[in-house]
């Protein structure tokens, strides 16, 4: 049974729509910033995505990664992954090592220079965002953290291949 919508419900709906628009705008602007910052350093969007996957794997204690795992996480073909890894290796951002017992087994890891490049690219943005966040109380930041966590879960739960009605 649905609850009748009153004026406050309409206002809440407008506020939620505005918040969703702002989250979309933040995502879009962050993406554009990454494109510009990467291009200024000769890095493609796919390079940045690969480095992000490798950095996250390191943070989670899952590094080094195999090219196959990287391909799956980036949804790339084996040949596209090889091209990407070759480019990152040439630029000094990725190390490719072969297993000592099985030379066919390859591992990928970010280099220290890749970390330095990432800090150079995204450090100023992180500092600006940290400064902006300082204006909010601990309680407000907890709400923001819970909200953004719920938004990440909402996006992750979607099936982009499902037909919409």
N, C-alpha and C. Protein backbone atom coordinates (compact mmCIF):
# COMPACT_ATOMS: atom_id res chain seq x y z
N UNK A 1 0.85 -1.17 0.00
CA UNK A 1 0.00 0.00 0.00
C UNK A 1 0.90 1.24 0.00
N UNK A 2 0.63 2.16 -0.90
CA UNK A 2 1.48 3.35 -0.99
C UNK A 2 0.95 4.45 -0.10
N UNK A 3 1.87 5.26 0.36
CA UNK A 3 1.53 6.39 1.20
C UNK A 3 1.25 7.58 0.30
N UNK A 4 0.17 8.34 0.59
CA UNK A 4 -0.10 9.52 -0.25
C UNK A 4 1.08 10.49 -0.19
N UNK A 5 1.38 11.08 -1.33
CA UNK A 5 2.47 12.05 -1.38
C UNK A 5 1.94 13.43 -1.07
N UNK A 6 2.61 14.11 -0.17
CA UNK A 6 2.24 15.47 0.17
C UNK A 6 3.30 16.43 -0.29
N UNK A 7 3.16 17.70 0.04
CA UNK A 7 4.12 18.72 -0.39
C UNK A 7 5.54 18.43 0.07
N UNK A 8 5.71 17.88 1.30
CA UNK A 8 7.06 17.58 1.77
C UNK A 8 7.68 16.47 0.95
N UNK A 9 6.85 15.50 0.52
CA UNK A 9 7.37 14.42 -0.32
C UNK A 9 7.89 14.97 -1.64
N UNK A 10 7.15 15.93 -2.23
CA UNK A 10 7.60 16.54 -3.48
C UNK A 10 8.91 17.29 -3.29
N UNK A 11 9.04 17.99 -2.18
CA UNK A 11 10.28 18.72 -1.89
C UNK A 11 11.42 17.73 -1.73
N UNK A 12 11.17 16.65 -0.97
CA UNK A 12 12.22 15.63 -0.79
C UNK A 12 12.62 15.05 -2.14
N UNK A 13 11.67 14.78 -2.99
CA UNK A 13 11.98 14.25 -4.32
C UNK A 13 12.86 15.20 -5.12
N UNK A 14 12.58 16.48 -5.00
CA UNK A 14 13.40 17.48 -5.70
C UNK A 14 14.81 17.53 -5.12
N UNK A 15 14.90 17.43 -3.80
CA UNK A 15 16.22 17.44 -3.15
C UNK A 15 17.01 16.21 -3.57
N UNK A 16 16.36 15.04 -3.56
CA UNK A 16 17.05 13.81 -3.96
C UNK A 16 17.51 13.92 -5.41
N UNK A 17 16.66 14.46 -6.28
CA UNK A 17 17.04 14.63 -7.69
C UNK A 17 18.24 15.56 -7.82
N UNK A 18 18.28 16.62 -7.03
CA UNK A 18 19.41 17.56 -7.06
C UNK A 18 20.69 16.88 -6.57
N UNK A 19 20.58 16.08 -5.50
CA UNK A 19 21.74 15.37 -4.98
C UNK A 19 22.26 14.37 -6.01
N UNK A 20 21.37 13.65 -6.66
CA UNK A 20 21.78 12.69 -7.68
C UNK A 20 22.46 13.44 -8.84
N UNK A 21 21.93 14.59 -9.22
CA UNK A 21 22.56 15.39 -10.27
C UNK A 21 23.96 15.83 -9.85
N UNK A 22 24.12 16.25 -8.60
CA UNK A 22 25.43 16.67 -8.12
C UNK A 22 26.42 15.50 -8.08
N UNK A 23 25.97 14.32 -7.70
CA UNK A 23 26.84 13.14 -7.74
C UNK A 23 27.27 12.86 -9.19
N UNK A 24 26.32 12.96 -10.11
CA UNK A 24 26.64 12.77 -11.53
C UNK A 24 27.64 13.82 -12.01
N UNK A 25 27.41 15.09 -11.62
CA UNK A 25 28.32 16.16 -12.01
C UNK A 25 29.73 15.93 -11.45
N UNK A 26 29.81 15.50 -10.19
CA UNK A 26 31.12 15.21 -9.60
C UNK A 26 31.82 14.10 -10.37
N UNK A 27 31.08 13.06 -10.70
CA UNK A 27 31.65 11.95 -11.46
C UNK A 27 32.15 12.43 -12.83
N UNK A 28 31.34 13.21 -13.50
CA UNK A 28 31.71 13.72 -14.83
C UNK A 28 32.93 14.64 -14.77
N UNK A 29 32.95 15.54 -13.81
CA UNK A 29 34.08 16.47 -13.69
C UNK A 29 35.36 15.74 -13.27
N UNK A 30 35.22 14.76 -12.40
CA UNK A 30 36.38 13.95 -12.01
C UNK A 30 36.94 13.21 -13.21
N UNK A 31 36.06 12.68 -14.02
CA UNK A 31 36.48 11.97 -15.22
C UNK A 31 37.21 12.90 -16.19
N UNK A 32 36.66 14.09 -16.39
CA UNK A 32 37.31 15.07 -17.27
C UNK A 32 38.67 15.49 -16.73
N UNK A 33 38.75 15.69 -15.41
CA UNK A 33 40.03 16.05 -14.81
C UNK A 33 41.05 14.95 -15.05
N UNK A 34 40.65 13.70 -14.83
CA UNK A 34 41.57 12.57 -15.04
C UNK A 34 42.03 12.52 -16.49
N UNK A 35 41.12 12.77 -17.43
CA UNK A 35 41.49 12.78 -18.85
C UNK A 35 42.53 13.87 -19.13
N UNK A 36 42.29 15.07 -18.62
CA UNK A 36 43.23 16.19 -18.85
C UNK A 36 44.57 15.94 -18.18
N UNK A 37 44.54 15.49 -16.92
CA UNK A 37 45.78 15.24 -16.19
C UNK A 37 46.57 14.10 -16.84
N UNK A 38 45.88 13.07 -17.27
CA UNK A 38 46.55 11.95 -17.94
C UNK A 38 47.16 12.39 -19.27
N UNK A 39 46.37 13.13 -20.05
CA UNK A 39 46.86 13.58 -21.36
C UNK A 39 48.10 14.47 -21.20
N UNK A 40 48.13 15.28 -20.16
CA UNK A 40 49.28 16.15 -19.92
C UNK A 40 50.54 15.34 -19.63
N UNK A 41 50.36 14.06 -19.24
CA UNK A 41 51.49 13.18 -18.92
C UNK A 41 51.63 12.03 -19.91
N UNK A 42 50.91 12.14 -21.02
CA UNK A 42 51.00 11.11 -22.06
C UNK A 42 50.31 9.80 -21.71
N UNK A 43 49.35 9.85 -20.80
CA UNK A 43 48.64 8.64 -20.39
C UNK A 43 47.21 8.64 -20.94
N UNK A 44 46.81 7.52 -21.49
CA UNK A 44 45.45 7.34 -21.99
C UNK A 44 44.53 7.02 -20.83
N UNK A 45 43.23 7.14 -21.05
CA UNK A 45 42.25 6.77 -20.03
C UNK A 45 42.43 5.30 -19.62
N UNK A 46 42.68 4.43 -20.58
CA UNK A 46 42.87 3.01 -20.25
C UNK A 46 44.12 2.80 -19.40
N UNK A 47 45.15 3.63 -19.61
CA UNK A 47 46.35 3.56 -18.77
C UNK A 47 46.00 3.88 -17.32
N UNK A 48 45.23 4.95 -17.14
CA UNK A 48 44.84 5.37 -15.80
C UNK A 48 43.97 4.30 -15.14
N UNK A 49 43.07 3.72 -15.90
CA UNK A 49 42.20 2.67 -15.36
C UNK A 49 43.02 1.46 -14.92
N UNK A 50 44.01 1.09 -15.73
CA UNK A 50 44.87 -0.05 -15.38
C UNK A 50 45.67 0.25 -14.13
N UNK A 51 46.23 1.45 -14.04
CA UNK A 51 47.01 1.81 -12.86
C UNK A 51 46.13 1.85 -11.61
N UNK A 52 44.88 2.28 -11.76
CA UNK A 52 43.96 2.27 -10.63
C UNK A 52 43.69 0.84 -10.16
N UNK A 53 43.49 -0.08 -11.10
CA UNK A 53 43.27 -1.49 -10.75
C UNK A 53 44.50 -2.04 -10.02
N UNK A 54 45.69 -1.74 -10.53
CA UNK A 54 46.92 -2.22 -9.90
C UNK A 54 47.13 -1.60 -8.52
N UNK A 55 46.81 -0.32 -8.38
CA UNK A 55 46.94 0.34 -7.08
C UNK A 55 45.97 -0.26 -6.07
N UNK A 56 44.73 -0.49 -6.51
CA UNK A 56 43.73 -1.08 -5.61
C UNK A 56 44.15 -2.50 -5.22
N UNK A 57 44.70 -3.25 -6.15
CA UNK A 57 45.16 -4.61 -5.84
C UNK A 57 46.27 -4.55 -4.79
N UNK A 58 47.16 -3.58 -4.91
CA UNK A 58 48.24 -3.42 -3.93
C UNK A 58 47.64 -3.09 -2.56
N UNK A 59 46.69 -2.15 -2.52
CA UNK A 59 46.06 -1.76 -1.25
C UNK A 59 45.36 -2.95 -0.59
N UNK A 60 44.79 -3.84 -1.41
CA UNK A 60 44.03 -4.99 -0.90
C UNK A 60 44.91 -6.22 -0.70
N UNK A 61 46.23 -6.07 -0.95
CA UNK A 61 47.14 -7.20 -0.77
C UNK A 61 46.99 -8.28 -1.83
N UNK A 62 46.50 -7.89 -3.03
CA UNK A 62 46.32 -8.86 -4.11
C UNK A 62 47.35 -8.69 -5.22
N UNK A 63 48.40 -7.93 -4.99
CA UNK A 63 49.37 -7.72 -6.05
C UNK A 63 50.54 -8.67 -5.89
N UNK A 64 51.26 -8.96 -6.94
CA UNK A 64 51.03 -8.48 -8.30
C UNK A 64 49.86 -9.23 -8.95
N UNK A 65 49.33 -8.65 -10.02
CA UNK A 65 48.22 -9.25 -10.76
C UNK A 65 48.72 -9.89 -12.03
N UNK A 66 47.99 -10.86 -12.50
CA UNK A 66 48.29 -11.45 -13.81
C UNK A 66 47.65 -10.57 -14.88
N UNK A 67 48.14 -10.63 -16.11
CA UNK A 67 47.49 -9.89 -17.20
C UNK A 67 46.04 -10.32 -17.38
N UNK A 68 45.74 -11.60 -17.14
CA UNK A 68 44.36 -12.07 -17.28
C UNK A 68 43.42 -11.42 -16.28
N UNK A 69 43.86 -11.26 -15.04
CA UNK A 69 43.04 -10.59 -14.03
C UNK A 69 42.84 -9.13 -14.41
N UNK A 70 43.91 -8.49 -14.86
CA UNK A 70 43.80 -7.09 -15.29
C UNK A 70 42.81 -6.97 -16.44
N UNK A 71 42.89 -7.88 -17.41
CA UNK A 71 41.98 -7.86 -18.56
C UNK A 71 40.53 -7.99 -18.10
N UNK A 72 40.28 -8.93 -17.19
CA UNK A 72 38.90 -9.12 -16.69
C UNK A 72 38.40 -7.88 -15.97
N UNK A 73 39.25 -7.30 -15.12
CA UNK A 73 38.80 -6.13 -14.36
C UNK A 73 38.55 -4.92 -15.26
N UNK A 74 39.30 -4.82 -16.37
CA UNK A 74 39.13 -3.70 -17.29
C UNK A 74 38.18 -4.03 -18.44
N UNK A 75 37.75 -5.31 -18.52
CA UNK A 75 36.90 -5.79 -19.60
C UNK A 75 37.56 -5.55 -20.97
N UNK A 76 38.83 -5.97 -21.07
CA UNK A 76 39.59 -5.84 -22.30
C UNK A 76 39.90 -7.22 -22.87
N UNK A 77 40.12 -7.26 -24.16
CA UNK A 77 40.54 -8.50 -24.80
C UNK A 77 42.01 -8.75 -24.45
N UNK A 78 42.46 -9.99 -24.61
CA UNK A 78 43.88 -10.27 -24.35
C UNK A 78 44.82 -9.39 -25.19
N UNK A 79 44.49 -9.19 -26.47
CA UNK A 79 45.39 -8.39 -27.31
C UNK A 79 45.40 -6.92 -26.87
N UNK A 80 44.24 -6.38 -26.49
CA UNK A 80 44.19 -4.99 -26.01
C UNK A 80 44.95 -4.85 -24.69
N UNK A 81 44.87 -5.88 -23.86
CA UNK A 81 45.60 -5.86 -22.59
C UNK A 81 47.10 -5.88 -22.83
N UNK A 82 47.55 -6.70 -23.78
CA UNK A 82 48.98 -6.76 -24.11
C UNK A 82 49.47 -5.40 -24.59
N UNK A 83 48.69 -4.76 -25.46
CA UNK A 83 49.06 -3.43 -25.97
C UNK A 83 49.14 -2.43 -24.82
N UNK A 84 48.17 -2.47 -23.93
CA UNK A 84 48.14 -1.59 -22.78
C UNK A 84 49.34 -1.82 -21.86
N UNK A 85 49.61 -3.07 -21.53
CA UNK A 85 50.73 -3.39 -20.64
C UNK A 85 52.06 -3.02 -21.29
N UNK A 86 52.19 -3.27 -22.58
CA UNK A 86 53.42 -2.87 -23.29
C UNK A 86 53.64 -1.36 -23.17
N UNK A 87 52.59 -0.59 -23.37
CA UNK A 87 52.68 0.87 -23.30
C UNK A 87 53.05 1.32 -21.88
N UNK A 88 52.42 0.72 -20.87
CA UNK A 88 52.72 1.09 -19.48
C UNK A 88 54.13 0.67 -19.08
N UNK A 89 54.58 -0.46 -19.60
CA UNK A 89 55.95 -0.90 -19.30
C UNK A 89 56.96 0.04 -19.95
N UNK A 90 56.73 0.42 -21.21
CA UNK A 90 57.64 1.34 -21.90
C UNK A 90 57.71 2.69 -21.19
N UNK A 91 56.58 3.12 -20.62
CA UNK A 91 56.56 4.43 -19.95
C UNK A 91 57.10 4.35 -18.52
N UNK A 92 57.45 3.14 -18.08
CA UNK A 92 58.03 2.98 -16.75
C UNK A 92 57.02 2.92 -15.62
N UNK A 93 55.74 2.68 -15.93
CA UNK A 93 54.70 2.67 -14.90
C UNK A 93 54.35 1.27 -14.41
N UNK A 94 54.73 0.25 -15.17
CA UNK A 94 54.40 -1.13 -14.81
C UNK A 94 55.63 -2.01 -15.00
N UNK A 95 55.81 -2.92 -14.06
CA UNK A 95 56.85 -3.94 -14.20
C UNK A 95 56.18 -5.26 -14.52
N UNK A 96 56.71 -5.93 -15.51
CA UNK A 96 56.22 -7.25 -15.90
C UNK A 96 57.31 -8.24 -15.51
N UNK A 97 56.96 -9.19 -14.66
CA UNK A 97 57.94 -10.20 -14.24
C UNK A 97 57.43 -11.59 -14.59
N UNK A 98 58.37 -12.49 -14.82
CA UNK A 98 58.04 -13.88 -15.13
C UNK A 98 58.33 -14.74 -13.90
N UNK A 99 57.44 -15.69 -13.64
CA UNK A 99 57.60 -16.62 -12.54
C UNK A 99 58.88 -17.42 -12.74
N UNK A 100 59.63 -17.61 -11.67
CA UNK A 100 60.91 -18.32 -11.75
C UNK A 100 60.74 -19.79 -12.13
N UNK A 101 59.64 -20.40 -11.71
CA UNK A 101 59.44 -21.83 -12.00
C UNK A 101 58.63 -22.06 -13.28
N UNK A 102 57.76 -21.14 -13.62
CA UNK A 102 56.97 -21.27 -14.85
C UNK A 102 57.06 -19.95 -15.60
N UNK A 103 57.97 -19.87 -16.56
CA UNK A 103 58.24 -18.62 -17.28
C UNK A 103 57.03 -18.12 -18.07
N UNK A 104 56.03 -18.99 -18.27
CA UNK A 104 54.82 -18.54 -18.97
C UNK A 104 53.95 -17.67 -18.07
N UNK A 105 54.09 -17.83 -16.77
CA UNK A 105 53.28 -17.08 -15.81
C UNK A 105 53.89 -15.68 -15.64
N UNK A 106 53.07 -14.66 -15.91
CA UNK A 106 53.52 -13.26 -15.86
C UNK A 106 52.76 -12.53 -14.76
N UNK A 107 53.47 -11.65 -14.06
CA UNK A 107 52.87 -10.82 -13.02
C UNK A 107 53.10 -9.35 -13.36
N UNK A 108 52.14 -8.53 -12.99
CA UNK A 108 52.22 -7.10 -13.24
C UNK A 108 52.13 -6.34 -11.93
N UNK A 109 52.97 -5.32 -11.79
CA UNK A 109 52.92 -4.47 -10.60
C UNK A 109 53.25 -3.04 -11.00
N UNK A 110 52.65 -2.09 -10.29
CA UNK A 110 52.96 -0.68 -10.48
C UNK A 110 54.37 -0.40 -10.01
N UNK A 111 55.02 0.53 -10.68
CA UNK A 111 56.35 0.96 -10.26
C UNK A 111 56.23 2.15 -9.30
N UNK A 112 57.32 2.47 -8.66
CA UNK A 112 57.35 3.65 -7.78
C UNK A 112 57.08 4.91 -8.58
N UNK A 113 57.56 4.96 -9.83
CA UNK A 113 57.33 6.17 -10.64
C UNK A 113 55.85 6.34 -10.97
N UNK A 114 55.13 5.23 -11.11
CA UNK A 114 53.68 5.32 -11.35
C UNK A 114 52.99 5.92 -10.14
N UNK A 115 53.42 5.52 -8.95
CA UNK A 115 52.85 6.09 -7.73
C UNK A 115 53.14 7.58 -7.63
N UNK A 116 54.37 7.96 -7.99
CA UNK A 116 54.73 9.38 -7.96
C UNK A 116 53.90 10.17 -8.96
N UNK A 117 53.70 9.61 -10.13
CA UNK A 117 52.89 10.28 -11.15
C UNK A 117 51.45 10.44 -10.66
N UNK A 118 50.91 9.39 -10.04
CA UNK A 118 49.54 9.45 -9.52
C UNK A 118 49.42 10.52 -8.45
N UNK A 119 50.41 10.58 -7.55
CA UNK A 119 50.38 11.61 -6.50
C UNK A 119 50.47 13.01 -7.11
N UNK A 120 51.29 13.16 -8.14
CA UNK A 120 51.43 14.44 -8.83
C UNK A 120 50.11 14.84 -9.50
N UNK A 121 49.44 13.86 -10.10
CA UNK A 121 48.19 14.13 -10.82
C UNK A 121 47.02 14.40 -9.89
N UNK A 122 46.88 13.55 -8.87
CA UNK A 122 45.66 13.58 -8.07
C UNK A 122 45.85 14.16 -6.67
N UNK A 123 47.09 14.39 -6.26
CA UNK A 123 47.34 14.99 -4.96
C UNK A 123 46.68 16.34 -4.78
N UNK A 124 46.82 17.26 -5.77
CA UNK A 124 46.18 18.56 -5.62
C UNK A 124 44.65 18.48 -5.49
N UNK A 125 44.05 17.58 -6.24
CA UNK A 125 42.59 17.41 -6.15
C UNK A 125 42.21 16.86 -4.79
N UNK A 126 42.96 15.86 -4.33
CA UNK A 126 42.69 15.28 -3.00
C UNK A 126 42.84 16.34 -1.91
N UNK A 127 43.85 17.18 -2.04
CA UNK A 127 44.06 18.24 -1.04
C UNK A 127 42.90 19.24 -1.07
N UNK A 128 42.46 19.62 -2.25
CA UNK A 128 41.34 20.56 -2.36
C UNK A 128 40.06 19.95 -1.80
N UNK A 129 39.84 18.67 -2.07
CA UNK A 129 38.64 18.01 -1.55
C UNK A 129 38.73 17.86 -0.02
N UNK A 130 39.91 17.57 0.49
CA UNK A 130 40.09 17.46 1.94
C UNK A 130 39.82 18.80 2.60
N UNK A 131 40.30 19.87 1.99
CA UNK A 131 40.06 21.21 2.51
C UNK A 131 38.57 21.54 2.50
N UNK A 132 37.89 21.21 1.41
CA UNK A 132 36.45 21.46 1.33
C UNK A 132 35.70 20.63 2.37
N UNK A 133 36.13 19.40 2.60
CA UNK A 133 35.47 18.53 3.58
C UNK A 133 35.65 19.03 5.00
N UNK A 134 36.69 19.79 5.25
CA UNK A 134 36.95 20.30 6.60
C UNK A 134 35.84 21.22 7.09
N UNK A 135 35.02 21.72 6.17
CA UNK A 135 33.92 22.60 6.54
C UNK A 135 32.75 21.84 7.17
N UNK A 136 32.78 20.51 7.12
CA UNK A 136 31.67 19.69 7.61
C UNK A 136 32.03 19.04 8.93
N UNK A 137 31.04 18.92 9.79
CA UNK A 137 31.25 18.30 11.10
C UNK A 137 31.47 16.79 10.93
N UNK A 138 31.94 16.17 11.99
CA UNK A 138 32.11 14.71 11.98
C UNK A 138 30.79 14.00 11.69
N UNK A 139 29.71 14.49 12.29
CA UNK A 139 28.39 13.88 12.07
C UNK A 139 27.97 14.03 10.61
N UNK A 140 28.20 15.20 10.04
CA UNK A 140 27.86 15.41 8.62
C UNK A 140 28.71 14.51 7.73
N UNK A 141 29.99 14.40 8.04
CA UNK A 141 30.86 13.53 7.24
C UNK A 141 30.43 12.08 7.33
N UNK A 142 29.94 11.65 8.49
CA UNK A 142 29.44 10.28 8.63
C UNK A 142 28.24 10.06 7.71
N UNK A 143 27.36 11.06 7.64
CA UNK A 143 26.19 10.96 6.74
C UNK A 143 26.67 10.90 5.28
N UNK A 144 27.61 11.74 4.93
CA UNK A 144 28.14 11.75 3.56
C UNK A 144 28.78 10.39 3.23
N UNK A 145 29.56 9.86 4.17
CA UNK A 145 30.20 8.55 3.96
C UNK A 145 29.15 7.47 3.74
N UNK A 146 28.12 7.46 4.59
CA UNK A 146 27.07 6.45 4.45
C UNK A 146 26.31 6.64 3.12
N UNK A 147 26.03 7.89 2.76
CA UNK A 147 25.32 8.18 1.52
C UNK A 147 26.13 7.72 0.31
N UNK A 148 27.40 8.11 0.25
CA UNK A 148 28.22 7.72 -0.90
C UNK A 148 28.41 6.20 -0.96
N UNK A 149 28.55 5.56 0.19
CA UNK A 149 28.62 4.10 0.22
C UNK A 149 27.36 3.47 -0.35
N UNK A 150 26.20 4.02 0.01
CA UNK A 150 24.93 3.52 -0.52
C UNK A 150 24.83 3.75 -2.02
N UNK A 151 25.36 4.89 -2.50
CA UNK A 151 25.33 5.17 -3.94
C UNK A 151 26.23 4.21 -4.71
N UNK A 152 27.40 3.91 -4.16
CA UNK A 152 28.30 2.94 -4.80
C UNK A 152 27.61 1.58 -4.88
N UNK A 153 26.98 1.17 -3.79
CA UNK A 153 26.26 -0.12 -3.79
C UNK A 153 25.12 -0.11 -4.79
N UNK A 154 24.40 1.02 -4.89
CA UNK A 154 23.28 1.12 -5.84
C UNK A 154 23.77 0.95 -7.28
N UNK A 155 24.89 1.59 -7.60
CA UNK A 155 25.43 1.47 -8.96
C UNK A 155 25.92 0.05 -9.20
N UNK A 156 26.65 -0.51 -8.24
CA UNK A 156 27.17 -1.87 -8.39
C UNK A 156 26.06 -2.90 -8.57
N UNK A 157 24.90 -2.64 -8.01
CA UNK A 157 23.79 -3.60 -8.08
C UNK A 157 23.07 -3.58 -9.42
N UNK A 158 23.40 -2.61 -10.26
CA UNK A 158 22.69 -2.49 -11.54
C UNK A 158 23.29 -3.42 -12.59
N UNK A 159 22.43 -3.93 -13.44
CA UNK A 159 22.84 -4.76 -14.57
C UNK A 159 22.65 -3.93 -15.84
N UNK A 160 23.75 -3.40 -16.39
CA UNK A 160 23.61 -2.53 -17.56
C UNK A 160 23.05 -3.26 -18.78
N UNK A 161 23.09 -4.59 -18.78
CA UNK A 161 22.56 -5.35 -19.90
C UNK A 161 21.09 -5.64 -19.78
N UNK A 162 20.49 -5.37 -18.62
CA UNK A 162 19.07 -5.65 -18.42
C UNK A 162 18.24 -4.64 -19.20
N UNK A 163 17.16 -5.15 -19.77
CA UNK A 163 16.25 -4.27 -20.53
C UNK A 163 15.51 -3.37 -19.56
N UNK A 164 15.39 -2.11 -19.91
CA UNK A 164 14.61 -1.19 -19.08
C UNK A 164 13.19 -1.14 -19.60
N UNK A 165 12.26 -0.88 -18.68
CA UNK A 165 10.85 -0.82 -19.08
C UNK A 165 10.42 0.59 -19.32
